[in-house]
């Protein structure tokens, strides 16, 4: 939250593990920013058209190179089980790509 710029938007997407963080509300006042909860499953159900448009925009940005996901590892299909174990053990920072 402290790194959010003036009039920025902080999206709460989920919590991987541990205690749910406490947000000091005075930071929202000081930064004039928004705090938005994002529940992916409900968003797809309630606002399907908006979801599809948002996903199209993200895919376009990725194709343009404007969005670059962090790739933690690339593994062959034969190592899928090991990749899933690494994700489950929370040792992954970014995406794990499995190739055929």
C-alpha atoms as a PDB file:
ATOM      1  CA  UNK A   1       0.000   0.000   0.000  1.00  0.00           C
ATOM      2  CA  UNK A   2       2.849   2.401   0.813  1.00  0.00           C
ATOM      3  CA  UNK A   3       4.189   2.045  -2.749  1.00  0.00           C
ATOM      4  CA  UNK A   4       0.832   3.010  -4.292  1.00  0.00           C
ATOM      5  CA  UNK A   5       0.960   6.376  -6.055  1.00  0.00           C
ATOM      6  CA  UNK A   6      -1.422   9.293  -5.691  1.00  0.00           C
ATOM      7  CA  UNK A   7      -4.923   8.316  -6.876  1.00  0.00           C
ATOM      8  CA  UNK A   8      -3.666   4.757  -7.496  1.00  0.00           C
ATOM      9  CA  UNK A   9      -5.664   1.571  -7.147  1.00  0.00           C
ATOM     10  CA  UNK A  10      -4.647  -1.284  -4.847  1.00  0.00           C
ATOM     11  CA  UNK A  11      -6.206  -4.600  -5.846  1.00  0.00           C
ATOM     12  CA  UNK A  12      -6.610  -7.327  -3.239  1.00  0.00           C
ATOM     13  CA  UNK A  13      -6.706 -10.555  -5.237  1.00  0.00           C
ATOM     14  CA  UNK A  14      -6.138 -13.167  -2.555  1.00  0.00           C
ATOM     15  CA  UNK A  15      -3.962 -14.453   0.226  1.00  0.00           C
ATOM     16  CA  UNK A  16      -1.559 -17.313  -0.458  1.00  0.00           C
ATOM     17  CA  UNK A  17      -0.943 -18.245   3.163  1.00  0.00           C
ATOM     18  CA  UNK A  18      -0.605 -16.997   6.679  1.00  0.00           C
ATOM     19  CA  UNK A  19      -2.352 -14.173   8.422  1.00  0.00           C
ATOM     20  CA  UNK A  20      -4.552 -11.799   6.428  1.00  0.00           C
ATOM     21  CA  UNK A  21      -2.784  -8.409   6.349  1.00  0.00           C
ATOM     22  CA  UNK A  22      -4.247  -5.388   8.110  1.00  0.00           C
ATOM     23  CA  UNK A  23      -4.532  -2.258   5.958  1.00  0.00           C
ATOM     24  CA  UNK A  24      -3.805   1.051   7.725  1.00  0.00           C
ATOM     25  CA  UNK A  25      -6.718   3.132   6.415  1.00  0.00           C
ATOM     26  CA  UNK A  26      -4.871   6.408   6.927  1.00  0.00           C
ATOM     27  CA  UNK A  27      -2.726   5.473   3.884  1.00  0.00           C
ATOM     28  CA  UNK A  28      -5.829   5.538   1.679  1.00  0.00           C
ATOM     29  CA  UNK A  29      -6.497   9.088   2.871  1.00  0.00           C
ATOM     30  CA  UNK A  30      -2.902  10.239   2.404  1.00  0.00           C
ATOM     31  CA  UNK A  31      -2.663   8.801  -1.095  1.00  0.00           C
ATOM     32  CA  UNK A  32      -6.237   9.441  -2.239  1.00  0.00           C
ATOM     33  CA  UNK A  33      -6.232   5.891  -3.579  1.00  0.00           C
ATOM     34  CA  UNK A  34      -8.764   3.102  -4.030  1.00  0.00           C
ATOM     35  CA  UNK A  35      -8.731  -0.275  -2.328  1.00  0.00           C
ATOM     36  CA  UNK A  36     -10.586  -2.906  -4.372  1.00  0.00           C
ATOM     37  CA  UNK A  37     -11.266  -6.546  -3.593  1.00  0.00           C
ATOM     38  CA  UNK A  38     -11.168  -8.859  -6.601  1.00  0.00           C
ATOM     39  CA  UNK A  39     -12.948 -12.212  -6.419  1.00  0.00           C
ATOM     40  CA  UNK A  40     -12.127 -13.719  -9.812  1.00  0.00           C
ATOM     41  CA  UNK A  41     -14.836 -16.392  -9.814  1.00  0.00           C
ATOM     42  CA  UNK A  42     -17.650 -13.996  -8.964  1.00  0.00           C
ATOM     43  CA  UNK A  43     -16.375 -11.412 -11.452  1.00  0.00           C
ATOM     44  CA  UNK A  44     -16.611 -13.976 -14.261  1.00  0.00           C
ATOM     45  CA  UNK A  45     -20.172 -14.917 -13.220  1.00  0.00           C
ATOM     46  CA  UNK A  46     -21.509 -11.427 -12.498  1.00  0.00           C
ATOM     47  CA  UNK A  47     -19.732  -9.418 -15.190  1.00  0.00           C
ATOM     48  CA  UNK A  48     -18.836 -11.867 -17.950  1.00  0.00           C
ATOM     49  CA  UNK A  49     -18.698  -9.250 -20.723  1.00  0.00           C
ATOM     50  CA  UNK A  50     -16.394  -6.998 -18.693  1.00  0.00           C
ATOM     51  CA  UNK A  51     -14.214  -9.990 -17.792  1.00  0.00           C
ATOM     52  CA  UNK A  52     -13.823 -10.992 -21.445  1.00  0.00           C
ATOM     53  CA  UNK A  53     -12.934  -7.421 -22.445  1.00  0.00           C
ATOM     54  CA  UNK A  54     -10.379  -7.177 -19.622  1.00  0.00           C
ATOM     55  CA  UNK A  55      -8.779 -10.480 -20.597  1.00  0.00           C
ATOM     56  CA  UNK A  56      -8.605  -9.378 -24.250  1.00  0.00           C
ATOM     57  CA  UNK A  57      -6.812  -6.201 -23.128  1.00  0.00           C
ATOM     58  CA  UNK A  58      -4.318  -8.149 -20.991  1.00  0.00           C
ATOM     59  CA  UNK A  59      -3.590 -10.578 -23.845  1.00  0.00           C
ATOM     60  CA  UNK A  60      -3.073  -7.618 -26.211  1.00  0.00           C
ATOM     61  CA  UNK A  61      -0.681  -5.972 -23.742  1.00  0.00           C
ATOM     62  CA  UNK A  62       1.244  -9.247 -23.447  1.00  0.00           C
ATOM     63  CA  UNK A  63       1.466  -9.538 -27.245  1.00  0.00           C
ATOM     64  CA  UNK A  64       2.784  -5.956 -27.384  1.00  0.00           C
ATOM     65  CA  UNK A  65       5.343  -6.710 -24.659  1.00  0.00           C
ATOM     66  CA  UNK A  66       3.776  -4.203 -22.252  1.00  0.00           C
ATOM     67  CA  UNK A  67       3.020  -6.929 -19.690  1.00  0.00           C
ATOM     68  CA  UNK A  68       5.741  -9.452 -18.937  1.00  0.00           C
ATOM     69  CA  UNK A  69       4.949 -12.146 -16.385  1.00  0.00           C
ATOM     70  CA  UNK A  70       7.861 -13.309 -14.259  1.00  0.00           C
ATOM     71  CA  UNK A  71       8.744 -16.878 -15.264  1.00  0.00           C
ATOM     72  CA  UNK A  72      10.066 -18.790 -12.264  1.00  0.00           C
ATOM     73  CA  UNK A  73      10.821 -21.995 -14.184  1.00  0.00           C
ATOM     74  CA  UNK A  74      10.208 -23.812 -17.452  1.00  0.00           C
ATOM     75  CA  UNK A  75       9.783 -27.575 -17.079  1.00  0.00           C
ATOM     76  CA  UNK A  76       9.110 -30.378 -19.547  1.00  0.00           C
ATOM     77  CA  UNK A  77       5.793 -32.207 -19.396  1.00  0.00           C
ATOM     78  CA  UNK A  78       7.493 -35.179 -17.728  1.00  0.00           C
ATOM     79  CA  UNK A  79       8.254 -32.947 -14.710  1.00  0.00           C
ATOM     80  CA  UNK A  80       4.685 -31.718 -14.211  1.00  0.00           C
ATOM     81  CA  UNK A  81       4.359 -33.462 -10.837  1.00  0.00           C
ATOM     82  CA  UNK A  82       7.567 -31.793  -9.594  1.00  0.00           C
ATOM     83  CA  UNK A  83       6.305 -28.406 -10.824  1.00  0.00           C
ATOM     84  CA  UNK A  84       3.020 -28.860  -8.955  1.00  0.00           C
ATOM     85  CA  UNK A  85       4.888 -29.894  -5.797  1.00  0.00           C
ATOM     86  CA  UNK A  86       7.050 -26.772  -6.034  1.00  0.00           C
ATOM     87  CA  UNK A  87       3.942 -24.602  -6.376  1.00  0.00           C
ATOM     88  CA  UNK A  88       2.204 -26.390  -3.475  1.00  0.00           C
ATOM     89  CA  UNK A  89       5.293 -25.903  -1.291  1.00  0.00           C
ATOM     90  CA  UNK A  90       5.141 -22.162  -2.043  1.00  0.00           C
ATOM     91  CA  UNK A  91       8.675 -22.069  -3.430  1.00  0.00           C
ATOM     92  CA  UNK A  92       7.562 -20.419  -6.680  1.00  0.00           C
ATOM     93  CA  UNK A  93       7.853 -16.706  -7.332  1.00  0.00           C
ATOM     94  CA  UNK A  94       6.077 -16.066 -10.607  1.00  0.00           C
ATOM     95  CA  UNK A  95       4.824 -18.553 -13.158  1.00  0.00           C
ATOM     96  CA  UNK A  96       5.872 -22.123 -13.848  1.00  0.00           C
ATOM     97  CA  UNK A  97       5.575 -23.012 -17.517  1.00  0.00           C
ATOM     98  CA  UNK A  98       5.184 -26.666 -18.527  1.00  0.00           C
ATOM     99  CA  UNK A  99       6.122 -27.448 -22.125  1.00  0.00           C
ATOM    100  CA  UNK A 100       5.161 -30.424 -24.273  1.00  0.00           C
END
